[in-house]
Amino acid sequence: MTTQRLAPLPLLAMVVLVLCALAATAAVRLTGLDIRQQADAAPVAQRALRFADGEDGSLRVIDDRSGQVLDTVEAGTGGFIRSTMRGLVRERKRQGIGPAMPFELIARADGRLTLIDPATQRRIDLESFGPVNAAVFARLL
């Protein structure tokens, strides 16, 4: 009767993986970190926004209430704002929803910034992408 031995490298990798998982769990428990989503702080500023593509490849950001163009993102620039809006618009198209309803940009008392699509109920906590990217949207308030 022969016994097969596990190769030492894969066995070591499995042990390290289990130990890392245990260490991460212990760290969260011992430090008191809360991994649940925080409740939203009170809004301090809010603006309804529309986004329109220009014929030259630019992206116009429009205040829904006044119709004023707040910003124009020139073609080839504004990667974060373009990719964020592209994802939200893609979800609207997937659900068969048109552009009639504006997006909501909300600044909160705790400094967080949230972009919400009321049509699909998707939300993006913009501070999660770092202060430079969040600032792109913050200046629209």
C-alpha atoms as a PDB file:
ATOM      1  CA  MET A   1       0.000   0.000   0.000  1.00  0.00           C
ATOM      2  CA  THR A   2       1.467   3.339  -1.062  1.00  0.00           C
ATOM      3  CA  THR A   3       0.624   6.681   0.416  1.00  0.00           C
ATOM      4  CA  GLN A   4       0.711   9.825  -1.609  1.00  0.00           C
ATOM      5  CA  ARG A   5       2.245  12.886  -0.088  1.00  0.00           C
ATOM      6  CA  LEU A   6       1.143  16.386  -0.847  1.00  0.00           C
ATOM      7  CA  ALA A   7       3.772  18.550  -2.412  1.00  0.00           C
ATOM      8  CA  PRO A   8       5.185  20.866   0.269  1.00  0.00           C
ATOM      9  CA  LEU A   9       4.728  24.161  -1.630  1.00  0.00           C
ATOM     10  CA  PRO A  10       0.918  23.905  -2.209  1.00  0.00           C
ATOM     11  CA  LEU A  11       0.451  22.673   1.355  1.00  0.00           C
ATOM     12  CA  LEU A  12       2.436  25.618   2.689  1.00  0.00           C
ATOM     13  CA  ALA A  13       0.402  28.015   0.535  1.00  0.00           C
ATOM     14  CA  MET A  14      -2.863  26.637   1.957  1.00  0.00           C
ATOM     15  CA  VAL A  15      -1.607  27.001   5.530  1.00  0.00           C
ATOM     16  CA  VAL A  16      -0.474  30.585   4.889  1.00  0.00           C
ATOM     17  CA  LEU A  17      -3.870  31.424   3.350  1.00  0.00           C
ATOM     18  CA  VAL A  18      -5.754  30.075   6.371  1.00  0.00           C
ATOM     19  CA  LEU A  19      -3.432  31.897   8.786  1.00  0.00           C
ATOM     20  CA  CYS A  20      -3.887  35.190   6.891  1.00  0.00           C
ATOM     21  CA  ALA A  21      -7.668  34.820   7.031  1.00  0.00           C
ATOM     22  CA  LEU A  22      -7.522  34.148  10.767  1.00  0.00           C
ATOM     23  CA  ALA A  23      -5.167  37.090  11.339  1.00  0.00           C
ATOM     24  CA  ALA A  24      -7.405  39.460   9.366  1.00  0.00           C
ATOM     25  CA  THR A  25     -10.485  38.333  11.281  1.00  0.00           C
ATOM     26  CA  ALA A  26      -8.696  38.725  14.601  1.00  0.00           C
ATOM     27  CA  ALA A  27      -7.446  42.193  13.637  1.00  0.00           C
ATOM     28  CA  VAL A  28     -10.962  43.385  12.839  1.00  0.00           C
ATOM     29  CA  ARG A  29     -12.344  41.968  16.077  1.00  0.00           C
ATOM     30  CA  LEU A  30      -9.545  43.224  18.319  1.00  0.00           C
ATOM     31  CA  THR A  31      -9.320  46.744  16.868  1.00  0.00           C
ATOM     32  CA  GLY A  32     -13.062  47.281  16.918  1.00  0.00           C
ATOM     33  CA  LEU A  33     -13.260  48.182  13.235  1.00  0.00           C
ATOM     34  CA  ASP A  34     -16.808  48.182  11.990  1.00  0.00           C
ATOM     35  CA  ILE A  35     -17.103  46.691   8.523  1.00  0.00           C
ATOM     36  CA  ARG A  36     -20.777  47.579   8.153  1.00  0.00           C
ATOM     37  CA  GLN A  37     -21.811  50.564   6.069  1.00  0.00           C
ATOM     38  CA  GLN A  38     -22.198  53.759   8.056  1.00  0.00           C
ATOM     39  CA  ALA A  39     -25.548  55.496   8.192  1.00  0.00           C
ATOM     40  CA  ASP A  40     -25.757  58.559   5.981  1.00  0.00           C
ATOM     41  CA  ALA A  41     -25.068  61.875   7.671  1.00  0.00           C
ATOM     42  CA  ALA A  42     -27.430  64.781   7.088  1.00  0.00           C
ATOM     43  CA  PRO A  43     -27.154  66.458   3.670  1.00  0.00           C
ATOM     44  CA  VAL A  44     -25.588  69.931   3.698  1.00  0.00           C
ATOM     45  CA  ALA A  45     -25.766  70.551  -0.054  1.00  0.00           C
ATOM     46  CA  GLN A  46     -27.580  68.831  -2.880  1.00  0.00           C
ATOM     47  CA  ARG A  47     -27.842  69.368  -6.610  1.00  0.00           C
ATOM     48  CA  ALA A  48     -29.777  67.632  -9.375  1.00  0.00           C
ATOM     49  CA  LEU A  49     -27.511  67.129 -12.403  1.00  0.00           C
ATOM     50  CA  ARG A  50     -27.883  66.145 -16.010  1.00  0.00           C
ATOM     51  CA  PHE A  51     -25.036  65.086 -18.260  1.00  0.00           C
ATOM     52  CA  ALA A  52     -25.118  65.670 -22.013  1.00  0.00           C
ATOM     53  CA  ASP A  53     -22.669  64.625 -24.700  1.00  0.00           C
ATOM     54  CA  GLY A  54     -21.498  67.390 -27.004  1.00  0.00           C
ATOM     55  CA  GLU A  55     -20.960  66.881 -30.735  1.00  0.00           C
ATOM     56  CA  ASP A  56     -17.242  67.524 -30.235  1.00  0.00           C
ATOM     57  CA  GLY A  57     -16.900  64.682 -27.701  1.00  0.00           C
ATOM     58  CA  SER A  58     -17.204  66.964 -24.680  1.00  0.00           C
ATOM     59  CA  LEU A  59     -19.434  66.232 -21.708  1.00  0.00           C
ATOM     60  CA  ARG A  60     -21.646  69.041 -20.405  1.00  0.00           C
ATOM     61  CA  VAL A  61     -22.753  69.026 -16.770  1.00  0.00           C
ATOM     62  CA  ILE A  62     -26.076  70.838 -16.390  1.00  0.00           C
ATOM     63  CA  ASP A  63     -27.940  71.976 -13.275  1.00  0.00           C
ATOM     64  CA  ASP A  64     -31.389  70.392 -13.679  1.00  0.00           C
ATOM     65  CA  ARG A  65     -33.280  73.160 -11.903  1.00  0.00           C
ATOM     66  CA  SER A  66     -31.776  76.190 -13.633  1.00  0.00           C
ATOM     67  CA  GLY A  67     -30.619  74.638 -16.920  1.00  0.00           C
ATOM     68  CA  GLN A  68     -27.238  76.344 -16.419  1.00  0.00           C
ATOM     69  CA  VAL A  69     -24.153  74.550 -17.749  1.00  0.00           C
ATOM     70  CA  LEU A  70     -21.963  74.091 -14.669  1.00  0.00           C
ATOM     71  CA  ASP A  71     -18.980  72.554 -16.403  1.00  0.00           C
ATOM     72  CA  THR A  72     -17.807  71.237 -19.737  1.00  0.00           C
ATOM     73  CA  VAL A  73     -15.416  68.300 -19.703  1.00  0.00           C
ATOM     74  CA  GLU A  74     -13.412  68.485 -22.900  1.00  0.00           C
ATOM     75  CA  ALA A  75     -12.907  65.404 -25.077  1.00  0.00           C
ATOM     76  CA  GLY A  76     -10.034  63.262 -23.873  1.00  0.00           C
ATOM     77  CA  THR A  77     -10.131  64.650 -20.306  1.00  0.00           C
ATOM     78  CA  GLY A  78     -12.102  63.927 -17.139  1.00  0.00           C
ATOM     79  CA  GLY A  79     -11.566  60.194 -17.012  1.00  0.00           C
ATOM     80  CA  PHE A  80     -13.123  59.731 -13.569  1.00  0.00           C
ATOM     81  CA  ILE A  81     -16.298  61.693 -14.233  1.00  0.00           C
ATOM     82  CA  ARG A  82     -16.702  60.062 -17.648  1.00  0.00           C
ATOM     83  CA  SER A  83     -16.248  56.504 -16.386  1.00  0.00           C
ATOM     84  CA  THR A  84     -18.530  57.097 -13.404  1.00  0.00           C
ATOM     85  CA  MET A  85     -21.326  58.469 -15.546  1.00  0.00           C
ATOM     86  CA  ARG A  86     -20.779  55.836 -18.241  1.00  0.00           C
ATOM     87  CA  GLY A  87     -21.414  53.115 -15.646  1.00  0.00           C
ATOM     88  CA  LEU A  88     -24.593  54.772 -14.349  1.00  0.00           C
ATOM     89  CA  VAL A  89     -25.955  55.405 -17.855  1.00  0.00           C
ATOM     90  CA  ARG A  90     -25.148  51.815 -18.869  1.00  0.00           C
ATOM     91  CA  GLU A  91     -27.256  50.569 -15.951  1.00  0.00           C
ATOM     92  CA  ARG A  92     -30.143  52.814 -17.013  1.00  0.00           C
ATOM     93  CA  LYS A  93     -29.963  51.458 -20.556  1.00  0.00           C
ATOM     94  CA  ARG A  94     -29.834  47.891 -19.264  1.00  0.00           C
ATOM     95  CA  GLN A  95     -33.054  48.520 -17.328  1.00  0.00           C
ATOM     96  CA  GLY A  96     -34.706  50.340 -20.247  1.00  0.00           C
ATOM     97  CA  ILE A  97     -34.685  53.704 -18.442  1.00  0.00           C
ATOM     98  CA  GLY A  98     -34.104  56.912 -20.383  1.00  0.00           C
ATOM     99  CA  PRO A  99     -32.303  60.103 -19.382  1.00  0.00           C
ATOM    100  CA  ALA A 100     -35.410  61.941 -18.127  1.00  0.00           C
ATOM    101  CA  MET A 101     -34.583  61.769 -14.417  1.00  0.00           C
ATOM    102  CA  PRO A 102     -31.549  63.763 -13.186  1.00  0.00           C
ATOM    103  CA  PHE A 103     -28.801  62.363 -10.978  1.00  0.00           C
ATOM    104  CA  GLU A 104     -28.497  63.621  -7.392  1.00  0.00           C
ATOM    105  CA  LEU A 105     -25.168  64.815  -5.986  1.00  0.00           C
ATOM    106  CA  ILE A 106     -25.235  65.101  -2.187  1.00  0.00           C
ATOM    107  CA  ALA A 107     -22.613  66.546   0.180  1.00  0.00           C
ATOM    108  CA  ARG A 108     -23.028  65.290   3.724  1.00  0.00           C
ATOM    109  CA  ALA A 109     -22.224  66.813   7.123  1.00  0.00           C
ATOM    110  CA  ASP A 110     -19.469  64.245   7.738  1.00  0.00           C
ATOM    111  CA  GLY A 111     -17.634  65.275   4.540  1.00  0.00           C
ATOM    112  CA  ARG A 112     -18.803  62.345   2.449  1.00  0.00           C
ATOM    113  CA  LEU A 113     -20.034  62.896  -1.093  1.00  0.00           C
ATOM    114  CA  THR A 114     -22.660  60.667  -2.688  1.00  0.00           C
ATOM    115  CA  LEU A 115     -23.876  60.409  -6.282  1.00  0.00           C
ATOM    116  CA  ILE A 116     -27.288  58.759  -6.555  1.00  0.00           C
ATOM    117  CA  ASP A 117     -29.252  57.672  -9.599  1.00  0.00           C
ATOM    118  CA  PRO A 118     -32.885  57.830  -8.424  1.00  0.00           C
ATOM    119  CA  ALA A 119     -33.997  55.975 -11.563  1.00  0.00           C
ATOM    120  CA  THR A 120     -32.019  52.805 -10.752  1.00  0.00           C
ATOM    121  CA  GLN A 121     -31.365  53.343  -7.018  1.00  0.00           C
ATOM    122  CA  ARG A 122     -27.616  52.966  -7.625  1.00  0.00           C
ATOM    123  CA  ARG A 123     -25.369  55.058  -5.413  1.00  0.00           C
ATOM    124  CA  ILE A 124     -21.690  55.825  -5.521  1.00  0.00           C
ATOM    125  CA  ASP A 125     -19.875  56.986  -2.401  1.00  0.00           C
ATOM    126  CA  LEU A 126     -17.359  59.192  -4.174  1.00  0.00           C
ATOM    127  CA  GLU A 127     -14.929  59.579  -1.263  1.00  0.00           C
ATOM    128  CA  SER A 128     -14.158  55.875  -1.732  1.00  0.00           C
ATOM    129  CA  PHE A 129     -12.171  56.820  -4.828  1.00  0.00           C
ATOM    130  CA  GLY A 130      -9.905  59.263  -3.006  1.00  0.00           C
ATOM    131  CA  PRO A 131      -9.982  63.010  -2.433  1.00  0.00           C
ATOM    132  CA  VAL A 132      -8.763  63.977  -5.917  1.00  0.00           C
ATOM    133  CA  ASN A 133     -11.539  62.047  -7.658  1.00  0.00           C
ATOM    134  CA  ALA A 134     -14.195  63.166  -5.167  1.00  0.00           C
ATOM    135  CA  ALA A 135     -13.127  66.783  -5.743  1.00  0.00           C
ATOM    136  CA  VAL A 136     -14.085  66.417  -9.425  1.00  0.00           C
ATOM    137  CA  PHE A 137     -17.707  66.076  -8.324  1.00  0.00           C
ATOM    138  CA  ALA A 138     -17.480  68.351  -5.261  1.00  0.00           C
ATOM    139  CA  ARG A 139     -16.842  71.399  -7.436  1.00  0.00           C
ATOM    140  CA  LEU A 140     -20.204  70.794  -9.140  1.00  0.00           C
ATOM    141  CA  LEU A 141     -22.018  71.709  -5.935  1.00  0.00           C
END
